[in-house]
Amino acid sequence: MKKPNLKPKVRFFLIIALLLTIFVRCNEKGTKFPYVSVYITLSLDTQLENMVVGDFREIDGYGLGGLIIYRSDFNQFLAFDRACTHEASSDCILQKDSEYEGVLVCPCCGSEFWMVSSLAGGVKETPATYPLKQYRCTFDGINTIRVTN
């Protein structure tokens, strides 16, 4: 009686297991940031209190965790979501660091993000590995800033 050759079948299952191991793995970089529709028009003189270059304001009620509007130049503004990119939850809203100006801290995971110059929105301290979620921000050159995605 001839024994069945199991090598091709075992090899096939080992290849499938290897492929699954490579392509299906845990998300080591935190939670995927969800899509949230954003469309808001802000007044520079009232809602943003005539902010100066290098300053930022927090706007609640938009995005996942609220918005951060940063004035990077006289005619340029940047808009970021205020939720941490590592936790990606409306429960993990970035707060101003009590020790360092221009740094935002996540109360959930301890990640820190820059809010100064060309570093605005970038990661200062892990576990977050992605910069803050950025939205399109347009300025009409006079008084109106529009934030969309």
C-alpha atoms as a PDB file:
ATOM      1  CA  MET A   1       0.000   0.000   0.000  1.00  0.00           C
ATOM      2  CA  LYS A   2       1.345   3.336  -1.057  1.00  0.00           C
ATOM      3  CA  LYS A   3       1.519   6.180   1.488  1.00  0.00           C
ATOM      4  CA  PRO A   4      -0.044   9.482   0.391  1.00  0.00           C
ATOM      5  CA  ASN A   5       2.433  12.302  -0.234  1.00  0.00           C
ATOM      6  CA  LEU A   6       1.544  15.070   2.271  1.00  0.00           C
ATOM      7  CA  LYS A   7       4.453  17.397   1.456  1.00  0.00           C
ATOM      8  CA  PRO A   8       2.606  19.522  -1.166  1.00  0.00           C
ATOM      9  CA  LYS A   9      -0.387  19.986   1.140  1.00  0.00           C
ATOM     10  CA  VAL A  10       1.767  20.939   4.142  1.00  0.00           C
ATOM     11  CA  ARG A  11       3.811  23.315   1.986  1.00  0.00           C
ATOM     12  CA  PHE A  12       0.606  24.946   0.700  1.00  0.00           C
ATOM     13  CA  PHE A  13      -0.703  25.549   4.252  1.00  0.00           C
ATOM     14  CA  LEU A  14       2.676  26.875   5.414  1.00  0.00           C
ATOM     15  CA  ILE A  15       2.733  29.384   2.557  1.00  0.00           C
ATOM     16  CA  ILE A  16      -0.821  30.531   3.387  1.00  0.00           C
ATOM     17  CA  ALA A  17       0.110  30.887   7.081  1.00  0.00           C
ATOM     18  CA  LEU A  18       3.215  32.909   6.166  1.00  0.00           C
ATOM     19  CA  LEU A  19       1.231  35.253   3.910  1.00  0.00           C
ATOM     20  CA  LEU A  20      -1.375  35.795   6.605  1.00  0.00           C
ATOM     21  CA  THR A  21       1.349  36.547   9.128  1.00  0.00           C
ATOM     22  CA  ILE A  22       2.906  39.121   6.827  1.00  0.00           C
ATOM     23  CA  PHE A  23      -0.253  40.926   5.713  1.00  0.00           C
ATOM     24  CA  VAL A  24      -2.548  40.559   8.714  1.00  0.00           C
ATOM     25  CA  ARG A  25      -0.967  41.979  11.830  1.00  0.00           C
ATOM     26  CA  CYS A  26      -1.889  44.197  14.704  1.00  0.00           C
ATOM     27  CA  ASN A  27      -1.970  47.944  14.224  1.00  0.00           C
ATOM     28  CA  GLU A  28       1.136  48.926  16.166  1.00  0.00           C
ATOM     29  CA  LYS A  29       0.823  52.611  15.354  1.00  0.00           C
ATOM     30  CA  GLY A  30      -2.437  53.311  17.146  1.00  0.00           C
ATOM     31  CA  THR A  31      -6.012  53.563  16.003  1.00  0.00           C
ATOM     32  CA  LYS A  32      -6.851  54.594  12.439  1.00  0.00           C
ATOM     33  CA  PHE A  33      -8.080  58.198  12.420  1.00  0.00           C
ATOM     34  CA  PRO A  34     -11.748  58.228  11.359  1.00  0.00           C
ATOM     35  CA  TYR A  35     -13.134  60.477   8.638  1.00  0.00           C
ATOM     36  CA  VAL A  36     -15.207  63.342  10.028  1.00  0.00           C
ATOM     37  CA  SER A  37     -16.738  65.935   7.716  1.00  0.00           C
ATOM     38  CA  VAL A  38     -15.528  69.464   8.459  1.00  0.00           C
ATOM     39  CA  TYR A  39     -16.866  72.682   6.944  1.00  0.00           C
ATOM     40  CA  ILE A  40     -16.680  75.901   8.941  1.00  0.00           C
ATOM     41  CA  THR A  41     -16.180  79.574   8.206  1.00  0.00           C
ATOM     42  CA  LEU A  42     -14.446  81.604  10.915  1.00  0.00           C
ATOM     43  CA  SER A  43     -14.073  85.333  11.410  1.00  0.00           C
ATOM     44  CA  LEU A  44     -10.499  86.452  12.094  1.00  0.00           C
ATOM     45  CA  ASP A  45     -11.484  89.459  14.184  1.00  0.00           C
ATOM     46  CA  THR A  46     -14.198  87.876  16.355  1.00  0.00           C
ATOM     47  CA  GLN A  47     -13.953  84.075  16.526  1.00  0.00           C
ATOM     48  CA  LEU A  48     -10.152  83.950  16.233  1.00  0.00           C
ATOM     49  CA  GLU A  49      -9.606  87.151  18.255  1.00  0.00           C
ATOM     50  CA  ASN A  50      -7.180  88.697  15.724  1.00  0.00           C
ATOM     51  CA  MET A  51      -4.563  86.049  16.431  1.00  0.00           C
ATOM     52  CA  VAL A  52      -0.978  86.962  15.537  1.00  0.00           C
ATOM     53  CA  VAL A  53       1.587  84.936  13.578  1.00  0.00           C
ATOM     54  CA  GLY A  54       2.768  81.958  15.659  1.00  0.00           C
ATOM     55  CA  ASP A  55      -0.397  81.832  17.769  1.00  0.00           C
ATOM     56  CA  PHE A  56      -3.180  79.227  17.761  1.00  0.00           C
ATOM     57  CA  ARG A  57      -6.795  78.983  18.854  1.00  0.00           C
ATOM     58  CA  GLU A  58      -8.965  76.009  19.789  1.00  0.00           C
ATOM     59  CA  ILE A  59     -12.437  75.738  18.256  1.00  0.00           C
ATOM     60  CA  ASP A  60     -14.849  73.208  19.769  1.00  0.00           C
ATOM     61  CA  GLY A  61     -17.603  71.331  17.968  1.00  0.00           C
ATOM     62  CA  TYR A  62     -15.894  70.429  14.681  1.00  0.00           C
ATOM     63  CA  GLY A  63     -13.824  67.455  13.560  1.00  0.00           C
ATOM     64  CA  LEU A  64     -13.330  64.528  15.907  1.00  0.00           C
ATOM     65  CA  GLY A  65     -12.041  66.476  18.896  1.00  0.00           C
ATOM     66  CA  GLY A  66     -12.407  70.104  17.895  1.00  0.00           C
ATOM     67  CA  LEU A  67     -10.075  72.201  15.770  1.00  0.00           C
ATOM     68  CA  ILE A  68      -6.778  73.950  16.292  1.00  0.00           C
ATOM     69  CA  ILE A  69      -6.222  76.947  14.014  1.00  0.00           C
ATOM     70  CA  TYR A  70      -2.557  77.972  13.774  1.00  0.00           C
ATOM     71  CA  ARG A  71      -1.419  81.188  12.095  1.00  0.00           C
ATOM     72  CA  SER A  72       1.843  80.340  10.381  1.00  0.00           C
ATOM     73  CA  ASP A  73       2.214  83.549   8.369  1.00  0.00           C
ATOM     74  CA  PHE A  74       0.390  86.826   7.834  1.00  0.00           C
ATOM     75  CA  ASN A  75      -1.776  85.274   5.093  1.00  0.00           C
ATOM     76  CA  GLN A  76      -1.515  81.583   5.957  1.00  0.00           C
ATOM     77  CA  PHE A  77      -3.433  79.534   8.505  1.00  0.00           C
ATOM     78  CA  LEU A  78      -3.255  75.811   9.285  1.00  0.00           C
ATOM     79  CA  ALA A  79      -6.107  73.741  10.703  1.00  0.00           C
ATOM     80  CA  PHE A  80      -5.655  70.529  12.690  1.00  0.00           C
ATOM     81  CA  ASP A  81      -7.977  68.160  14.517  1.00  0.00           C
ATOM     82  CA  ARG A  82      -7.559  68.387  18.270  1.00  0.00           C
ATOM     83  CA  ALA A  83      -7.868  64.619  18.790  1.00  0.00           C
ATOM     84  CA  CYS A  84      -4.678  62.608  19.322  1.00  0.00           C
ATOM     85  CA  THR A  85      -3.678  60.568  16.261  1.00  0.00           C
ATOM     86  CA  HIS A  86      -2.577  57.643  18.433  1.00  0.00           C
ATOM     87  CA  GLU A  87      -5.840  57.224  20.329  1.00  0.00           C
ATOM     88  CA  ALA A  88      -8.121  58.738  17.612  1.00  0.00           C
ATOM     89  CA  SER A  89     -11.012  59.303  19.984  1.00  0.00           C
ATOM     90  CA  SER A  90     -13.169  62.254  20.947  1.00  0.00           C
ATOM     91  CA  ASP A  91     -12.258  61.352  24.535  1.00  0.00           C
ATOM     92  CA  CYS A  92      -8.546  62.095  23.971  1.00  0.00           C
ATOM     93  CA  ILE A  93      -8.473  65.835  23.325  1.00  0.00           C
ATOM     94  CA  LEU A  94      -5.089  67.549  23.274  1.00  0.00           C
ATOM     95  CA  GLN A  95      -4.370  70.046  26.029  1.00  0.00           C
ATOM     96  CA  LYS A  96      -1.776  72.813  26.293  1.00  0.00           C
ATOM     97  CA  ASP A  97       1.368  71.612  28.063  1.00  0.00           C
ATOM     98  CA  SER A  98       1.729  73.288  31.456  1.00  0.00           C
ATOM     99  CA  GLU A  99       5.542  73.412  31.180  1.00  0.00           C
ATOM    100  CA  TYR A 100       6.230  74.238  27.537  1.00  0.00           C
ATOM    101  CA  GLU A 101       4.552  76.846  25.365  1.00  0.00           C
ATOM    102  CA  GLY A 102       3.754  75.613  21.868  1.00  0.00           C
ATOM    103  CA  VAL A 103       3.322  71.970  22.897  1.00  0.00           C
ATOM    104  CA  LEU A 104       0.053  70.024  23.109  1.00  0.00           C
ATOM    105  CA  VAL A 105      -0.263  66.847  25.200  1.00  0.00           C
ATOM    106  CA  CYS A 106      -2.685  63.917  24.966  1.00  0.00           C
ATOM    107  CA  PRO A 107      -4.152  63.143  28.405  1.00  0.00           C
ATOM    108  CA  CYS A 108      -4.816  59.517  27.365  1.00  0.00           C
ATOM    109  CA  CYS A 109      -1.469  58.287  26.009  1.00  0.00           C
ATOM    110  CA  GLY A 110       0.962  61.112  26.798  1.00  0.00           C
ATOM    111  CA  SER A 111       1.858  61.853  23.166  1.00  0.00           C
ATOM    112  CA  GLU A 112       3.095  65.382  22.567  1.00  0.00           C
ATOM    113  CA  PHE A 113       2.686  67.520  19.451  1.00  0.00           C
ATOM    114  CA  TRP A 114       4.400  70.715  18.342  1.00  0.00           C
ATOM    115  CA  MET A 115       2.389  73.864  17.736  1.00  0.00           C
ATOM    116  CA  VAL A 116       5.211  76.188  16.684  1.00  0.00           C
ATOM    117  CA  SER A 117       6.662  77.403  13.351  1.00  0.00           C
ATOM    118  CA  SER A 118       7.128  74.838  10.587  1.00  0.00           C
ATOM    119  CA  LEU A 119       6.816  72.011  13.152  1.00  0.00           C
ATOM    120  CA  ALA A 120       3.121  72.767  13.820  1.00  0.00           C
ATOM    121  CA  GLY A 121       1.141  69.534  14.017  1.00  0.00           C
ATOM    122  CA  GLY A 122       4.219  67.302  14.147  1.00  0.00           C
ATOM    123  CA  VAL A 123       4.927  64.649  16.775  1.00  0.00           C
ATOM    124  CA  LYS A 124       7.257  65.730  19.593  1.00  0.00           C
ATOM    125  CA  GLU A 125       6.932  62.643  21.826  1.00  0.00           C
ATOM    126  CA  THR A 126       5.573  59.161  21.106  1.00  0.00           C
ATOM    127  CA  PRO A 127       3.618  56.830  21.309  1.00  0.00           C
ATOM    128  CA  ALA A 128       1.878  58.772  18.493  1.00  0.00           C
ATOM    129  CA  THR A 129       3.745  58.262  15.227  1.00  0.00           C
ATOM    130  CA  TYR A 130       1.526  60.319  12.915  1.00  0.00           C
ATOM    131  CA  PRO A 131       1.241  64.116  12.887  1.00  0.00           C
ATOM    132  CA  LEU A 132      -2.073  65.744  13.732  1.00  0.00           C
ATOM    133  CA  LYS A 133      -4.888  65.288  11.232  1.00  0.00           C
ATOM    134  CA  GLN A 134      -4.746  68.390   9.028  1.00  0.00           C
ATOM    135  CA  TYR A 135      -7.671  70.004   7.216  1.00  0.00           C
ATOM    136  CA  ARG A 136      -7.688  72.436   4.276  1.00  0.00           C
ATOM    137  CA  CYS A 137      -7.622  76.008   5.436  1.00  0.00           C
ATOM    138  CA  THR A 138      -8.158  78.994   3.127  1.00  0.00           C
ATOM    139  CA  PHE A 139      -7.970  82.686   3.987  1.00  0.00           C
ATOM    140  CA  ASP A 140      -9.715  85.337   1.899  1.00  0.00           C
ATOM    141  CA  GLY A 141      -6.986  87.870   2.696  1.00  0.00           C
ATOM    142  CA  ILE A 142      -9.298  90.090   4.713  1.00  0.00           C
ATOM    143  CA  ASN A 143     -11.214  88.492   7.565  1.00  0.00           C
ATOM    144  CA  THR A 144     -12.564  85.016   6.704  1.00  0.00           C
ATOM    145  CA  ILE A 145     -10.954  81.601   7.203  1.00  0.00           C
ATOM    146  CA  ARG A 146     -12.677  78.516   5.787  1.00  0.00           C
ATOM    147  CA  VAL A 147     -11.781  75.035   7.060  1.00  0.00           C
ATOM    148  CA  THR A 148     -12.831  71.961   5.045  1.00  0.00           C
ATOM    149  CA  ASN A 149     -11.736  68.429   4.258  1.00  0.00           C
END
